[in-house]
Amino acid sequence: MDTLQQVGLPVLGIVAAAAVTFYVVSFSELREKSLNRDWDDDGDNEGFKSSLSSRERRAR
């Protein structure tokens, strides 16, 4: 049991640190992409391009 704690606890800490780092980097990249999208807006306030709904596609 003592050996398991000596090995398991540091491994668990490393995994937890890796998970936190992954989420921090992911969220910072998402925020950066969002800001770039807002800054790159050319004044075209078209929004999303409309597409056929699934019902309209099935009707065709």
Protein backbone atom coordinates (compact mmCIF):
# COMPACT_ATOMS: atom_id res chain seq x y z
CA MET A 1 0.00 0.00 0.00
CA ASP A 2 2.85 2.37 0.81
CA THR A 3 4.52 1.75 -2.56
CA LEU A 4 1.23 2.39 -4.35
CA GLN A 5 0.92 5.76 -2.63
CA GLN A 6 4.53 6.67 -3.37
CA VAL A 7 4.08 5.95 -7.08
CA GLY A 8 0.39 6.68 -7.58
CA LEU A 9 0.22 10.11 -5.98
CA PRO A 10 2.91 11.72 -8.18
CA VAL A 11 1.43 10.10 -11.29
CA LEU A 12 -2.01 11.41 -10.33
CA GLY A 13 -0.54 14.88 -9.84
CA ILE A 14 1.12 14.80 -13.25
CA VAL A 15 -2.12 13.69 -14.92
CA ALA A 16 -4.06 16.44 -13.13
CA ALA A 17 -1.51 19.08 -14.17
CA ALA A 18 -1.66 17.87 -17.78
CA ALA A 19 -5.47 18.05 -17.77
CA VAL A 20 -5.46 21.59 -16.37
CA THR A 21 -2.86 22.68 -18.93
CA PHE A 22 -4.88 21.15 -21.76
CA TYR A 23 -8.06 22.99 -20.76
CA VAL A 24 -6.27 26.31 -20.23
CA VAL A 25 -4.65 26.13 -23.67
CA SER A 26 -7.89 25.02 -25.33
CA PHE A 27 -9.94 27.84 -23.83
CA SER A 28 -7.29 30.45 -24.63
CA GLU A 29 -7.22 29.29 -28.26
CA LEU A 30 -11.02 29.44 -28.45
CA ARG A 31 -10.99 32.95 -27.02
CA GLU A 32 -8.28 33.99 -29.48
CA LYS A 33 -10.25 32.60 -32.43
CA SER A 34 -13.36 34.40 -31.22
CA LEU A 35 -11.53 37.70 -30.92
CA ASN A 36 -9.91 37.28 -34.34
CA ARG A 37 -13.30 36.57 -35.89
CA ASP A 38 -14.72 39.77 -34.38
CA TRP A 39 -11.74 41.85 -35.51
CA ASP A 40 -11.70 40.41 -39.01
CA ASP A 41 -15.33 41.40 -39.58
CA ASP A 42 -15.48 43.55 -42.71
CA GLY A 43 -18.75 45.18 -41.75
CA ASP A 44 -20.73 42.47 -43.47
CA ASN A 45 -23.44 41.87 -40.94
CA GLU A 46 -24.88 38.92 -42.78
CA GLY A 47 -24.52 36.58 -39.85
CA PHE A 48 -24.83 32.92 -40.58
CA LYS A 49 -25.71 31.84 -44.07
CA SER A 50 -29.11 30.26 -44.05
CA SER A 51 -29.33 26.69 -45.19
CA LEU A 52 -32.20 24.36 -45.76
CA SER A 53 -33.68 22.85 -42.66
CA SER A 54 -33.64 19.11 -42.35
CA ARG A 55 -37.36 18.96 -43.15
CA GLU A 56 -36.85 20.96 -46.34
CA ARG A 57 -33.98 18.68 -47.36
CA ARG A 58 -36.08 15.58 -46.79
CA ALA A 59 -38.96 17.06 -48.80
CA ARG A 60 -36.71 17.37 -51.86
